[in-house]
PDB file of N, CA and C in Angstrom:
ATOM      1  N   MET A   1     108.519 336.025  74.955  1.00  0.00           N
ATOM      2  CA  MET A   1     108.082 337.214  74.176  1.00  0.00           C
ATOM      3  C   MET A   1     108.116 338.400  75.206  1.00  0.00           C
ATOM      4  N   GLU A   2     108.749 339.570  74.624  1.00  0.00           N
ATOM      5  CA  GLU A   2     108.432 340.816  75.412  1.00  0.00           C
ATOM      6  C   GLU A   2     107.565 341.748  74.719  1.00  0.00           C
ATOM      7  N   THR A   3     106.799 342.508  75.564  1.00  0.00           N
ATOM      8  CA  THR A   3     105.888 343.280  75.123  1.00  0.00           C
ATOM      9  C   THR A   3     106.167 344.710  75.566  1.00  0.00           C
ATOM     10  N   SER A   4     105.684 345.795  74.890  1.00  0.00           N
ATOM     11  CA  SER A   4     105.852 347.206  75.187  1.00  0.00           C
ATOM     12  C   SER A   4     104.577 347.793  74.833  1.00  0.00           C
ATOM     13  N   ILE A   5     104.392 349.052  75.495  1.00  0.00           N
ATOM     14  CA  ILE A   5     103.293 349.963  75.253  1.00  0.00           C
ATOM     15  C   ILE A   5     103.733 351.169  74.713  1.00  0.00           C
ATOM     16  N   LEU A   6     103.211 351.392  73.356  1.00  0.00           N
ATOM     17  CA  LEU A   6     103.369 352.607  72.742  1.00  0.00           C
ATOM     18  C   LEU A   6     102.317 353.649  73.059  1.00  0.00           C
ATOM     19  N   ILE A   7     102.612 355.122  73.515  1.00  0.00           N
ATOM     20  CA  ILE A   7     101.550 356.016  73.645  1.00  0.00           C
ATOM     21  C   ILE A   7     101.675 356.939  72.644  1.00  0.00           C
ATOM     22  N   PHE A   8     100.492 357.348  72.084  1.00  0.00           N
ATOM     23  CA  PHE A   8     100.257 358.378  70.979  1.00  0.00           C
ATOM     24  C   PHE A   8      99.285 359.426  71.414  1.00  0.00           C
ATOM     25  N   ASN A   9      99.534 360.611  71.128  1.00  0.00           N
ATOM     26  CA  ASN A   9      98.611 361.715  71.259  1.00  0.00           C
ATOM     27  C   ASN A   9      97.681 361.961  70.087  1.00  0.00           C
ATOM     28  N   ASN A  10      98.114 361.423  68.938  1.00  0.00           N
ATOM     29  CA  ASN A  10      97.292 361.645  67.888  1.00  0.00           C
ATOM     30  C   ASN A  10      97.077 360.109  67.026  1.00  0.00           C
ATOM     31  N   ILE A  11      95.826 359.954  66.598  1.00  0.00           N
ATOM     32  CA  ILE A  11      95.703 358.735  65.896  1.00  0.00           C
ATOM     33  C   ILE A  11      96.432 358.603  64.636  1.00  0.00           C
ATOM     34  N   GLN A  12      96.702 359.839  63.911  1.00  0.00           N
ATOM     35  CA  GLN A  12      97.343 359.977  62.688  1.00  0.00           C
ATOM     36  C   GLN A  12      98.692 359.388  62.741  1.00  0.00           C
ATOM     37  N   ASP A  13      99.448 359.391  64.090  1.00  0.00           N
ATOM     38  CA  ASP A  13     100.623 358.522  64.195  1.00  0.00           C
ATOM     39  C   ASP A  13     100.627 357.177  64.239  1.00  0.00           C
ATOM     40  N   ILE A  14      99.362 356.585  64.236  1.00  0.00           N
ATOM     41  CA  ILE A  14      99.270 355.169  64.332  1.00  0.00           C
ATOM     42  C   ILE A  14      99.128 354.604  62.835  1.00  0.00           C
ATOM     43  N   ASP A  15      99.589 353.351  62.622  1.00  0.00           N
ATOM     44  CA  ASP A  15      99.363 352.666  61.435  1.00  0.00           C
ATOM     45  C   ASP A  15      97.810 352.289  61.271  1.00  0.00           C
ATOM     46  N   GLU A  16      97.095 352.795  60.469  1.00  0.00           N
ATOM     47  CA  GLU A  16      95.630 352.688  60.359  1.00  0.00           C
ATOM     48  C   GLU A  16      95.287 351.394  60.104  1.00  0.00           C
ATOM     49  N   LYS A  17      95.913 350.578  59.232  1.00  0.00           N
ATOM     50  CA  LYS A  17      95.607 349.217  58.865  1.00  0.00           C
ATOM     51  C   LYS A  17      95.763 348.333  60.201  1.00  0.00           C
ATOM     52  N   LYS A  18      96.975 348.206  60.827  1.00  0.00           N
ATOM     53  CA  LYS A  18      97.043 347.751  62.096  1.00  0.00           C
ATOM     54  C   LYS A  18      96.210 348.021  63.152  1.00  0.00           C
ATOM     55  N   TRP A  19      95.700 349.232  63.235  1.00  0.00           N
ATOM     56  CA  TRP A  19      94.726 349.454  64.261  1.00  0.00           C
ATOM     57  C   TRP A  19      93.402 348.914  64.019  1.00  0.00           C
ATOM     58  N   ASN A  20      92.916 349.104  62.745  1.00  0.00           N
ATOM     59  CA  ASN A  20      91.627 348.482  62.345  1.00  0.00           C
ATOM     60  C   ASN A  20      91.654 346.883  62.175  1.00  0.00           C
ATOM     61  N   ASP A  21      92.824 346.360  62.105  1.00  0.00           N
ATOM     62  CA  ASP A  21      92.882 344.861  61.975  1.00  0.00           C
ATOM     63  C   ASP A  21      92.509 344.378  63.480  1.00  0.00           C
ATOM     64  N   LEU A  22      92.668 345.217  64.555  1.00  0.00           N
ATOM     65  CA  LEU A  22      92.409 344.739  66.019  1.00  0.00           C
ATOM     66  C   LEU A  22      90.943 345.084  66.381  1.00  0.00           C
ATOM     67  N   VAL A  23      90.311 346.012  65.463  1.00  0.00           N
ATOM     68  CA  VAL A  23      89.010 346.362  65.967  1.00  0.00           C
ATOM     69  C   VAL A  23      87.780 345.587  65.066  1.00  0.00           C
ATOM     70  N   PRO A  24      87.043 344.853  65.807  1.00  0.00           N
ATOM     71  CA  PRO A  24      86.025 344.186  65.110  1.00  0.00           C
ATOM     72  C   PRO A  24      85.199 345.332  64.301  1.00  0.00           C
ATOM     73  N   VAL A  25      84.610 344.722  63.262  1.00  0.00           N
ATOM     74  CA  VAL A  25      83.570 345.660  62.400  1.00  0.00           C
ATOM     75  C   VAL A  25      82.532 346.282  63.420  1.00  0.00           C
ATOM     76  N   SER A  26      82.007 345.360  64.317  1.00  0.00           N
ATOM     77  CA  SER A  26      80.841 345.930  65.255  1.00  0.00           C
ATOM     78  C   SER A  26      81.280 346.847  66.053  1.00  0.00           C
ATOM     79  N   ARG A  27      82.562 347.408  66.304  1.00  0.00           N
ATOM     80  CA  ARG A  27      83.020 348.429  67.067  1.00  0.00           C
ATOM     81  C   ARG A  27      83.301 349.680  66.469  1.00  0.00           C
ATOM     82  N   PHE A  28      82.319 350.193  65.814  1.00  0.00           N
ATOM     83  CA  PHE A  28      82.482 351.262  64.937  1.00  0.00           C
ATOM     84  C   PHE A  28      83.006 352.509  65.709  1.00  0.00           C
ATOM     85  N   PHE A  29      82.771 352.697  67.043  1.00  0.00           N
ATOM     86  CA  PHE A  29      83.260 353.741  67.726  1.00  0.00           C
ATOM     87  C   PHE A  29      84.755 353.680  68.269  1.00  0.00           C
ATOM     88  N   LEU A  30      85.372 352.441  67.805  1.00  0.00           N
ATOM     89  CA  LEU A  30      86.762 352.365  68.051  1.00  0.00           C
ATOM     90  C   LEU A  30      87.517 352.370  66.657  1.00  0.00           C
ATOM     91  N   SER A  31      86.700 352.422  65.504  1.00  0.00           N
ATOM     92  CA  SER A  31      87.473 352.472  64.305  1.00  0.00           C
ATOM     93  C   SER A  31      88.364 353.667  64.091  1.00  0.00           C
ATOM     94  N   TYR A  32      89.278 353.428  63.246  1.00  0.00           N
ATOM     95  CA  TYR A  32      90.315 354.603  63.003  1.00  0.00           C
ATOM     96  C   TYR A  32      89.580 355.801  62.348  1.00  0.00           C
ATOM     97  N   ASP A  33      88.602 355.579  61.479  1.00  0.00           N
ATOM     98  CA  ASP A  33      87.975 356.543  60.725  1.00  0.00           C
ATOM     99  C   ASP A  33      87.145 357.454  61.763  1.00  0.00           C
ATOM    100  N   TYR A  34      86.489 356.940  62.536  1.00  0.00           N
ATOM    101  CA  TYR A  34      85.631 357.385  63.554  1.00  0.00           C
ATOM    102  C   TYR A  34      86.533 358.377  64.653  1.00  0.00           C
ATOM    103  N   LEU A  35      87.580 357.764  65.181  1.00  0.00           N
ATOM    104  CA  LEU A  35      88.288 358.294  66.141  1.00  0.00           C
ATOM    105  C   LEU A  35      89.224 359.473  65.454  1.00  0.00           C
ATOM    106  N   SER A  36      89.587 359.405  64.262  1.00  0.00           N
ATOM    107  CA  SER A  36      90.237 360.354  63.536  1.00  0.00           C
ATOM    108  C   SER A  36      89.146 361.658  63.208  1.00  0.00           C
ATOM    109  N   THR A  37      88.024 361.438  62.909  1.00  0.00           N
ATOM    110  CA  THR A  37      86.963 362.446  62.840  1.00  0.00           C
ATOM    111  C   THR A  37      86.757 363.077  64.182  1.00  0.00           C
ATOM    112  N   LEU A  38      86.659 362.442  65.153  1.00  0.00           N
ATOM    113  CA  LEU A  38      86.253 362.888  66.501  1.00  0.00           C
ATOM    114  C   LEU A  38      87.555 363.623  66.891  1.00  0.00           C
ATOM    115  N   GLU A  39      88.623 363.391  66.932  1.00  0.00           N
ATOM    116  CA  GLU A  39      89.745 363.981  67.193  1.00  0.00           C
ATOM    117  C   GLU A  39      89.800 365.478  66.467  1.00  0.00           C
ATOM    118  N   LYS A  40      89.454 365.449  65.278  1.00  0.00           N
ATOM    119  CA  LYS A  40      89.629 366.859  64.393  1.00  0.00           C
ATOM    120  C   LYS A  40      88.518 367.557  64.822  1.00  0.00           C
ATOM    121  N   SER A  41      87.325 367.038  65.250  1.00  0.00           N
ATOM    122  CA  SER A  41      86.175 367.835  65.455  1.00  0.00           C
ATOM    123  C   SER A  41      86.019 368.400  66.931  1.00  0.00           C
ATOM    124  N   ASN A  42      86.732 367.877  67.769  1.00  0.00           N
ATOM    125  CA  ASN A  42      86.570 368.193  69.246  1.00  0.00           C
ATOM    126  C   ASN A  42      87.759 368.883  69.676  1.00  0.00           C
ATOM    127  N   GLN A  43      87.480 370.141  70.237  1.00  0.00           N
ATOM    128  CA  GLN A  43      88.566 371.021  70.768  1.00  0.00           C
ATOM    129  C   GLN A  43      88.529 370.923  72.288  1.00  0.00           C
ATOM    130  N   GLU A  44      87.498 370.343  72.884  1.00  0.00           N
ATOM    131  CA  GLU A  44      87.500 370.363  74.264  1.00  0.00           C
ATOM    132  C   GLU A  44      88.116 369.253  75.154  1.00  0.00           C
ATOM    133  N   MET A  45      88.355 368.057  74.261  1.00  0.00           N
ATOM    134  CA  MET A  45      88.917 366.910  74.818  1.00  0.00           C
ATOM    135  C   MET A  45      90.496 366.694  74.099  1.00  0.00           C
ATOM    136  N   GLU A  46      91.193 365.954  74.879  1.00  0.00           N
ATOM    137  CA  GLU A  46      92.428 365.404  74.565  1.00  0.00           C
ATOM    138  C   GLU A  46      92.242 363.976  74.298  1.00  0.00           C
ATOM    139  N   PHE A  47      93.136 363.364  73.572  1.00  0.00           N
ATOM    140  CA  PHE A  47      92.944 361.806  73.372  1.00  0.00           C
ATOM    141  C   PHE A  47      94.395 361.171  73.397  1.00  0.00           C
ATOM    142  N   ARG A  48      94.283 359.933  73.925  1.00  0.00           N
ATOM    143  CA  ARG A  48      95.454 359.148  74.115  1.00  0.00           C
ATOM    144  C   ARG A  48      95.196 357.772  73.610  1.00  0.00           C
ATOM    145  N   TYR A  49      96.250 357.342  72.762  1.00  0.00           N
ATOM    146  CA  TYR A  49      96.028 355.940  72.110  1.00  0.00           C
ATOM    147  C   TYR A  49      97.138 355.188  72.793  1.00  0.00           C
ATOM    148  N   LEU A  50      96.914 353.885  73.308  1.00  0.00           N
ATOM    149  CA  LEU A  50      97.925 352.837  73.601  1.00  0.00           C
ATOM    150  C   LEU A  50      97.836 351.886  72.878  1.00  0.00           C
ATOM    151  N   VAL A  51      99.193 351.349  72.264  1.00  0.00           N
ATOM    152  CA  VAL A  51      99.184 350.209  71.508  1.00  0.00           C
ATOM    153  C   VAL A  51     100.160 349.175  72.123  1.00  0.00           C
ATOM    154  N   LEU A  52      99.752 347.986  72.442  1.00  0.00           N
ATOM    155  CA  LEU A  52     100.670 347.080  73.001  1.00  0.00           C
ATOM    156  C   LEU A  52     101.312 346.287  71.822  1.00  0.00           C
ATOM    157  N   VAL A  53     102.486 346.198  71.812  1.00  0.00           N
ATOM    158  CA  VAL A  53     103.242 345.637  70.745  1.00  0.00           C
ATOM    159  C   VAL A  53     104.189 344.524  71.276  1.00  0.00           C
ATOM    160  N   ASP A  54     104.519 343.581  70.472  1.00  0.00           N
ATOM    161  CA  ASP A  54     105.582 342.673  70.738  1.00  0.00           C
ATOM    162  C   ASP A  54     106.974 343.074  70.311  1.00  0.00           C
ATOM    163  N   ASN A  55     108.035 342.316  70.449  1.00  0.00           N
ATOM    164  CA  ASN A  55     109.454 342.984  70.266  1.00  0.00           C
ATOM    165  C   ASN A  55     109.574 343.014  68.618  1.00  0.00           C
ATOM    166  N   GLU A  56     108.747 342.409  67.825  1.00  0.00           N
ATOM    167  CA  GLU A  56     108.788 342.649  66.428  1.00  0.00           C
ATOM    168  C   GLU A  56     107.796 343.700  65.852  1.00  0.00           C
ATOM    169  N   MET A  57     107.219 344.601  66.850  1.00  0.00           N
ATOM    170  CA  MET A  57     106.518 345.679  66.647  1.00  0.00           C
ATOM    171  C   MET A  57     105.082 345.389  65.989  1.00  0.00           C
ATOM    172  N   ARG A  58     104.538 344.126  66.267  1.00  0.00           N
ATOM    173  CA  ARG A  58     103.256 343.562  65.789  1.00  0.00           C
ATOM    174  C   ARG A  58     102.240 344.072  66.875  1.00  0.00           C
ATOM    175  N   TYR A  59     101.168 344.506  66.474  1.00  0.00           N
ATOM    176  CA  TYR A  59     100.102 345.159  67.459  1.00  0.00           C
ATOM    177  C   TYR A  59      99.454 343.968  68.086  1.00  0.00           C
ATOM    178  N   LEU A  60      99.430 343.941  69.346  1.00  0.00           N
ATOM    179  CA  LEU A  60      98.666 342.955  70.070  1.00  0.00           C
ATOM    180  C   LEU A  60      97.567 343.368  70.794  1.00  0.00           C
ATOM    181  N   GLY A  61      97.279 344.682  71.059  1.00  0.00           N
ATOM    182  CA  GLY A  61      96.260 345.367  71.704  1.00  0.00           C
ATOM    183  C   GLY A  61      96.236 346.780  71.667  1.00  0.00           C
ATOM    184  N   ILE A  62      95.174 347.322  71.766  1.00  0.00           N
ATOM    185  CA  ILE A  62      94.873 348.813  71.698  1.00  0.00           C
ATOM    186  C   ILE A  62      94.021 349.249  72.930  1.00  0.00           C
ATOM    187  N   CYS A  63      94.207 350.394  73.219  1.00  0.00           N
ATOM    188  CA  CYS A  63      93.414 351.109  74.295  1.00  0.00           C
ATOM    189  C   CYS A  63      93.361 352.561  73.874  1.00  0.00           C
ATOM    190  N   TYR A  64      92.029 353.276  74.162  1.00  0.00           N
ATOM    191  CA  TYR A  64      91.823 354.686  73.638  1.00  0.00           C
ATOM    192  C   TYR A  64      91.092 355.233  74.943  1.00  0.00           C
ATOM    193  N   PHE A  65      91.650 356.484  75.273  1.00  0.00           N
ATOM    194  CA  PHE A  65      91.306 357.383  76.284  1.00  0.00           C
ATOM    195  C   PHE A  65      90.750 358.748  75.772  1.00  0.00           C
ATOM    196  N   GLN A  66      89.734 359.445  76.373  1.00  0.00           N
ATOM    197  CA  GLN A  66      89.473 360.832  76.225  1.00  0.00           C
ATOM    198  C   GLN A  66      89.784 361.506  77.571  1.00  0.00           C
ATOM    199  N   ILE A  67      90.255 362.543  77.561  1.00  0.00           N
ATOM    200  CA  ILE A  67      90.856 363.353  78.593  1.00  0.00           C
ATOM    201  C   ILE A  67      89.959 364.693  78.375  1.00  0.00           C
ATOM    202  N   VAL A  68      89.163 364.913  79.534  1.00  0.00           N
ATOM    203  CA  VAL A  68      88.276 366.069  79.613  1.00  0.00           C
ATOM    204  C   VAL A  68      88.624 366.812  80.817  1.00  0.00           C
ATOM    205  N   ALA A  69      88.779 368.120  80.610  1.00  0.00           N
ATOM    206  CA  ALA A  69      89.195 368.952  81.790  1.00  0.00           C
ATOM    207  C   ALA A  69      87.736 369.488  82.319  1.00  0.00           C
ATOM    208  N   PHE A  70      87.622 369.571  83.657  1.00  0.00           N
ATOM    209  CA  PHE A  70      86.408 370.041  84.305  1.00  0.00           C
ATOM    210  C   PHE A  70      86.723 370.504  85.645  1.00  0.00           C
ATOM    211  N   ARG A  71      85.814 371.555  86.051  1.00  0.00           N
ATOM    212  CA  ARG A  71      85.998 372.085  87.376  1.00  0.00           C
ATOM    213  C   ARG A  71      84.847 371.409  88.293  1.00  0.00           C
ATOM    214  N   GLY A  72      85.279 371.511  89.591  1.00  0.00           N
ATOM    215  CA  GLY A  72      84.263 370.607  90.523  1.00  0.00           C
ATOM    216  C   GLY A  72      82.872 371.283  90.576  1.00  0.00           C
ATOM    217  N   GLU A  73      82.852 372.547  90.394  1.00  0.00           N
ATOM    218  CA  GLU A  73      81.466 373.455  90.463  1.00  0.00           C
ATOM    219  C   GLU A  73      80.653 372.719  89.267  1.00  0.00           C
ATOM    220  N   MET A  74      81.219 372.233  88.193  1.00  0.00           N
ATOM    221  CA  MET A  74      80.410 371.761  87.057  1.00  0.00           C
ATOM    222  C   MET A  74      79.661 370.548  87.570  1.00  0.00           C
ATOM    223  N   LEU A  75      79.926 369.799  88.548  1.00  0.00           N
ATOM    224  CA  LEU A  75      79.207 368.720  89.135  1.00  0.00           C
ATOM    225  C   LEU A  75      77.977 368.837  89.796  1.00  0.00           C
ATOM    226  N   TYR A  76      77.851 370.131  90.401  1.00  0.00           N
ATOM    227  CA  TYR A  76      76.659 370.469  91.173  1.00  0.00           C
ATOM    228  C   TYR A  76      75.269 370.248  90.310  1.00  0.00           C
ATOM    229  N   LYS A  77      75.176 370.339  89.122  1.00  0.00           N
ATOM    230  CA  LYS A  77      74.041 370.145  88.272  1.00  0.00           C
ATOM    231  C   LYS A  77      73.637 368.805  88.261  1.00  0.00           C
ATOM    232  N   TYR A  78      74.594 367.785  88.745  1.00  0.00           N
ATOM    233  CA  TYR A  78      74.280 366.411  88.622  1.00  0.00           C
ATOM    234  C   TYR A  78      74.007 365.878  90.015  1.00  0.00           C
ATOM    235  N   VAL A  79      74.166 366.651  90.898  1.00  0.00           N
ATOM    236  CA  VAL A  79      74.066 366.114  92.403  1.00  0.00           C
ATOM    237  C   VAL A  79      72.785 366.802  92.969  1.00  0.00           C
ATOM    238  N   SER A  80      71.927 365.959  93.671  1.00  0.00           N
ATOM    239  CA  SER A  80      70.616 366.742  94.117  1.00  0.00           C
ATOM    240  C   SER A  80      70.990 367.231  95.424  1.00  0.00           C
ATOM    241  N   ASN A  81      69.952 368.166  96.032  1.00  0.00           N
ATOM    242  CA  ASN A  81      70.293 368.838  97.174  1.00  0.00           C
ATOM    243  C   ASN A  81      69.865 367.917  98.420  1.00  0.00           C
ATOM    244  N   ALA A  82      69.048 366.849  98.069  1.00  0.00           N
ATOM    245  CA  ALA A  82      68.501 366.065  99.140  1.00  0.00           C
ATOM    246  C   ALA A  82      69.598 365.254 100.067  1.00  0.00           C
TER     247      ALA A  82
END
């Protein structure tokens, strides 16, 4: 069985039912509805969705990434001077 990885920039480009079939109900923060809302309401992040499919385009697995731009000087508030 061959597998491929499909990469999407928007969750709306992914089949909602197939996505949710792979996400347990207990994983609300990976649900299609939650990610769709997060994507629409957040202008500071980019999102990537990876879907592992077999040669018949059946979903085998999913991954979700948030891409956040930051500058190095932003880290100073998290590092002590000690």
